[in-house]
Every structure is written in structure tokens, then in C-alpha cells.
């Protein structure tokens, strides 16, 4: 479960991504827009994931490469903690 991630604002998501990037924990590959959503294409430990911020539903992690549920939960927790 990605508890807390969906409660973040877009500004908090941007800040969290930047903070984890600055710390060398994730790599930001690309930021793009789609209707009603911002998408951050990232890499964590060599594996791709997307962080999608939907205007209606909030933030959500989407694994592009193989991640366990525990790894996604830990990544979500890191993003939430970095947003504070």
C-alpha cells in the first residue's frame, strides 16, 4: 500500500522528488504531462518507476520494472518523508 502518498500536493511531490534526487536516492529521467496528470519518470536502484500525480486522485507509484510490494512501500514512505 502506498499510504500517505495520495495525500501529497503536487508541490510536495515535486519537493520530495527533488530532495531524493539531490540525496542520490533516485534518478529523475523525465517529467511529462498528460491530461489532468503530471508524470515523473524515475529510476531507483537501476530500475524504472513512474510517480504519477493525478489532479483528482493524488500521487501514485507505478512500477515499470520489477519491484516487490515492500520495495514500493519503502519508496513511497521515502517520498512522503522527503515531502515533510
N, C-alpha and C. Protein backbone atom coordinates (compact mmCIF):
# COMPACT_ATOMS: atom_id res chain seq x y z
N UNK A 1 0.84 -1.19 0.00
CA UNK A 1 0.00 0.00 0.00
C UNK A 1 0.88 1.25 0.00
N UNK A 2 0.47 2.26 -0.67
CA UNK A 2 1.24 3.49 -0.77
C UNK A 2 0.63 4.57 0.13
N UNK A 3 0.46 4.20 1.39
CA UNK A 3 -0.20 5.06 2.36
C UNK A 3 0.47 6.43 2.44
N UNK A 4 -0.35 7.45 2.40
CA UNK A 4 0.15 8.80 2.55
C UNK A 4 0.57 9.48 1.27
N UNK A 5 0.96 8.71 0.29
CA UNK A 5 1.43 9.28 -0.97
C UNK A 5 0.31 10.05 -1.67
N UNK A 6 -0.90 9.50 -1.63
CA UNK A 6 -2.02 10.14 -2.32
C UNK A 6 -2.49 11.42 -1.63
N UNK A 7 -2.02 11.68 -0.42
CA UNK A 7 -2.40 12.90 0.30
C UNK A 7 -1.48 14.08 0.00
N UNK A 8 -0.38 13.84 -0.71
CA UNK A 8 0.58 14.90 -1.00
C UNK A 8 0.05 15.82 -2.11
N UNK A 9 0.38 17.09 -2.00
CA UNK A 9 0.07 18.05 -3.06
C UNK A 9 1.13 17.91 -4.16
N UNK A 10 0.87 18.52 -5.31
CA UNK A 10 1.85 18.50 -6.39
C UNK A 10 3.14 19.16 -5.94
N UNK A 11 3.05 20.25 -5.21
CA UNK A 11 4.25 20.94 -4.73
C UNK A 11 5.06 20.03 -3.80
N UNK A 12 4.39 19.26 -2.96
CA UNK A 12 5.09 18.34 -2.06
C UNK A 12 5.74 17.21 -2.85
N UNK A 13 5.06 16.72 -3.88
CA UNK A 13 5.63 15.66 -4.73
C UNK A 13 6.87 16.18 -5.43
N UNK A 14 6.79 17.38 -5.99
CA UNK A 14 7.95 17.99 -6.66
C UNK A 14 9.12 18.13 -5.68
N UNK A 15 8.82 18.59 -4.49
CA UNK A 15 9.85 18.77 -3.47
C UNK A 15 10.47 17.43 -3.06
N UNK A 16 9.64 16.42 -2.87
CA UNK A 16 10.13 15.10 -2.46
C UNK A 16 11.02 14.49 -3.54
N UNK A 17 10.60 14.58 -4.79
CA UNK A 17 11.40 14.05 -5.89
C UNK A 17 12.74 14.77 -5.95
N UNK A 18 12.72 16.08 -5.85
CA UNK A 18 13.95 16.87 -5.89
C UNK A 18 14.87 16.52 -4.73
N UNK A 19 14.30 16.37 -3.54
CA UNK A 19 15.10 16.06 -2.36
C UNK A 19 15.77 14.69 -2.49
N UNK A 20 15.01 13.68 -2.92
CA UNK A 20 15.59 12.34 -3.09
C UNK A 20 16.61 12.32 -4.22
N UNK A 21 16.38 13.12 -5.26
CA UNK A 21 17.35 13.25 -6.35
C UNK A 21 18.64 13.87 -5.82
N UNK A 22 18.51 14.96 -5.05
CA UNK A 22 19.68 15.65 -4.50
C UNK A 22 20.49 14.74 -3.59
N UNK A 23 19.81 13.83 -2.89
CA UNK A 23 20.48 12.90 -1.99
C UNK A 23 21.05 11.69 -2.73
N UNK A 24 20.79 11.59 -4.04
CA UNK A 24 21.29 10.47 -4.82
C UNK A 24 20.51 9.18 -4.63
N UNK A 25 19.31 9.28 -4.08
CA UNK A 25 18.50 8.09 -3.83
C UNK A 25 17.70 7.66 -5.05
N UNK A 26 17.30 8.64 -5.87
CA UNK A 26 16.60 8.33 -7.13
C UNK A 26 17.21 9.16 -8.25
N UNK A 27 16.93 8.75 -9.45
CA UNK A 27 17.34 9.49 -10.64
C UNK A 27 16.08 9.94 -11.37
N UNK A 28 15.95 11.23 -11.63
CA UNK A 28 14.81 11.74 -12.37
C UNK A 28 15.17 11.73 -13.85
N UNK A 29 14.49 10.91 -14.62
CA UNK A 29 14.79 10.76 -16.04
C UNK A 29 14.04 11.77 -16.90
N UNK A 30 12.80 12.03 -16.52
CA UNK A 30 11.96 12.90 -17.35
C UNK A 30 10.73 13.29 -16.55
N UNK A 31 10.25 14.48 -16.80
CA UNK A 31 8.97 14.92 -16.25
C UNK A 31 8.08 15.28 -17.41
N UNK A 32 6.89 14.73 -17.41
CA UNK A 32 5.97 14.99 -18.50
C UNK A 32 4.57 15.24 -18.01
N UNK A 33 3.74 15.68 -18.93
CA UNK A 33 2.35 15.96 -18.61
C UNK A 33 1.45 15.13 -19.51
N UNK A 34 0.34 14.74 -18.94
CA UNK A 34 -0.73 14.11 -19.71
C UNK A 34 -2.01 14.75 -19.19
N UNK A 35 -3.13 14.55 -19.85
CA UNK A 35 -4.36 15.20 -19.38
C UNK A 35 -4.61 14.94 -17.90
N UNK A 36 -4.70 16.02 -17.14
CA UNK A 36 -5.01 16.01 -15.71
C UNK A 36 -3.97 15.31 -14.84
N UNK A 37 -2.74 15.13 -15.33
CA UNK A 37 -1.73 14.45 -14.51
C UNK A 37 -0.32 14.91 -14.89
N UNK A 38 0.56 14.88 -13.89
CA UNK A 38 1.99 15.08 -14.07
C UNK A 38 2.64 13.72 -13.85
N UNK A 39 3.63 13.39 -14.66
CA UNK A 39 4.31 12.10 -14.53
C UNK A 39 5.81 12.35 -14.39
N UNK A 40 6.39 11.77 -13.35
CA UNK A 40 7.83 11.83 -13.10
C UNK A 40 8.38 10.44 -13.41
N UNK A 41 9.14 10.31 -14.49
CA UNK A 41 9.78 9.04 -14.84
C UNK A 41 11.10 9.00 -14.08
N UNK A 42 11.27 7.97 -13.24
CA UNK A 42 12.43 7.91 -12.35
C UNK A 42 13.08 6.53 -12.39
N UNK A 43 14.25 6.47 -11.79
CA UNK A 43 14.97 5.21 -11.63
C UNK A 43 15.42 5.11 -10.18
N UNK A 44 15.23 3.92 -9.60
CA UNK A 44 15.65 3.63 -8.24
C UNK A 44 16.40 2.32 -8.24
N UNK A 45 17.64 2.33 -7.81
CA UNK A 45 18.50 1.15 -7.81
C UNK A 45 18.53 0.47 -9.18
N UNK A 46 18.60 1.30 -10.22
CA UNK A 46 18.71 0.81 -11.59
C UNK A 46 17.41 0.36 -12.23
N UNK A 47 16.30 0.48 -11.51
CA UNK A 47 15.01 0.05 -12.04
C UNK A 47 14.05 1.22 -12.18
N UNK A 48 13.28 1.18 -13.25
CA UNK A 48 12.37 2.29 -13.59
C UNK A 48 11.06 2.22 -12.84
N UNK A 49 10.59 3.41 -12.46
CA UNK A 49 9.23 3.57 -11.93
C UNK A 49 8.73 4.94 -12.33
N UNK A 50 7.44 5.08 -12.34
CA UNK A 50 6.81 6.37 -12.60
C UNK A 50 6.09 6.82 -11.34
N UNK A 51 6.17 8.09 -11.06
CA UNK A 51 5.39 8.70 -10.00
C UNK A 51 4.39 9.60 -10.71
N UNK A 52 3.15 9.21 -10.66
CA UNK A 52 2.10 9.94 -11.36
C UNK A 52 1.31 10.75 -10.35
N UNK A 53 1.14 12.05 -10.63
CA UNK A 53 0.31 12.90 -9.78
C UNK A 53 -0.93 13.25 -10.58
N UNK A 54 -2.04 12.64 -10.20
CA UNK A 54 -3.33 12.87 -10.85
C UNK A 54 -4.06 13.96 -10.07
N UNK A 55 -4.60 14.94 -10.76
CA UNK A 55 -5.27 16.06 -10.10
C UNK A 55 -6.47 15.61 -9.27
N UNK A 56 -7.12 14.52 -9.66
CA UNK A 56 -8.29 14.03 -8.94
C UNK A 56 -7.95 13.03 -7.84
N UNK A 57 -6.90 12.22 -8.05
CA UNK A 57 -6.63 11.12 -7.13
C UNK A 57 -5.34 11.23 -6.35
N UNK A 58 -4.51 12.21 -6.64
CA UNK A 58 -3.25 12.37 -5.92
C UNK A 58 -2.13 11.56 -6.55
N UNK A 59 -1.08 11.32 -5.77
CA UNK A 59 0.12 10.66 -6.27
C UNK A 59 0.01 9.14 -6.16
N UNK A 60 0.66 8.48 -7.12
CA UNK A 60 0.67 7.02 -7.16
C UNK A 60 1.96 6.55 -7.82
N UNK A 61 2.58 5.53 -7.24
CA UNK A 61 3.76 4.90 -7.83
C UNK A 61 3.32 3.83 -8.81
N UNK A 62 3.98 3.79 -9.95
CA UNK A 62 3.71 2.77 -10.96
C UNK A 62 5.04 2.14 -11.34
N UNK A 63 5.19 0.86 -11.02
CA UNK A 63 6.43 0.15 -11.35
C UNK A 63 6.50 -0.09 -12.86
N UNK A 64 7.64 0.24 -13.45
CA UNK A 64 7.89 -0.07 -14.86
C UNK A 64 8.73 -1.35 -14.92
N UNK A 65 9.68 -1.46 -13.99
CA UNK A 65 10.49 -2.67 -13.84
C UNK A 65 9.95 -3.47 -12.65
N UNK A 66 10.55 -4.60 -12.39
CA UNK A 66 10.09 -5.47 -11.30
C UNK A 66 10.45 -4.88 -9.93
N UNK A 67 9.45 -4.62 -9.13
CA UNK A 67 9.58 -4.18 -7.75
C UNK A 67 8.67 -5.05 -6.90
N UNK A 68 9.11 -5.38 -5.70
CA UNK A 68 8.23 -6.08 -4.77
C UNK A 68 7.30 -5.04 -4.14
N UNK A 69 6.23 -5.52 -3.53
CA UNK A 69 5.32 -4.60 -2.83
C UNK A 69 6.05 -3.88 -1.70
N UNK A 70 6.93 -4.60 -1.01
CA UNK A 70 7.69 -4.00 0.09
C UNK A 70 8.61 -2.89 -0.42
N UNK A 71 9.24 -3.10 -1.58
CA UNK A 71 10.11 -2.07 -2.14
C UNK A 71 9.32 -0.83 -2.53
N UNK A 72 8.14 -1.02 -3.13
CA UNK A 72 7.30 0.12 -3.49
C UNK A 72 6.81 0.85 -2.25
N UNK A 73 6.45 0.09 -1.21
CA UNK A 73 6.02 0.72 0.04
C UNK A 73 7.15 1.54 0.65
N UNK A 74 8.36 1.00 0.64
CA UNK A 74 9.51 1.72 1.20
C UNK A 74 9.81 2.97 0.38
N UNK A 75 9.69 2.88 -0.92
CA UNK A 75 9.92 4.04 -1.79
C UNK A 75 8.86 5.10 -1.55
N UNK A 76 7.60 4.67 -1.42
CA UNK A 76 6.51 5.61 -1.12
C UNK A 76 6.75 6.29 0.23
N UNK A 77 7.17 5.52 1.23
CA UNK A 77 7.46 6.09 2.54
C UNK A 77 8.59 7.11 2.47
N UNK A 78 9.61 6.82 1.66
CA UNK A 78 10.71 7.76 1.48
C UNK A 78 10.24 9.06 0.86
N UNK A 79 9.36 8.95 -0.13
CA UNK A 79 8.82 10.14 -0.79
C UNK A 79 7.97 10.97 0.18
N UNK A 80 7.14 10.30 0.97
CA UNK A 80 6.30 11.01 1.94
C UNK A 80 7.18 11.71 2.98
N UNK A 81 8.18 10.99 3.48
CA UNK A 81 9.10 11.59 4.48
C UNK A 81 9.87 12.76 3.89
N UNK A 82 10.27 12.68 2.63
CA UNK A 82 11.02 13.76 1.99
C UNK A 82 10.15 14.97 1.72
N UNK A 83 8.84 14.79 1.69
CA UNK A 83 7.92 15.89 1.41
C UNK A 83 7.67 16.75 2.64
N UNK A 84 7.97 16.24 3.81
CA UNK A 84 7.72 16.98 5.06
C UNK A 84 8.75 18.04 5.30
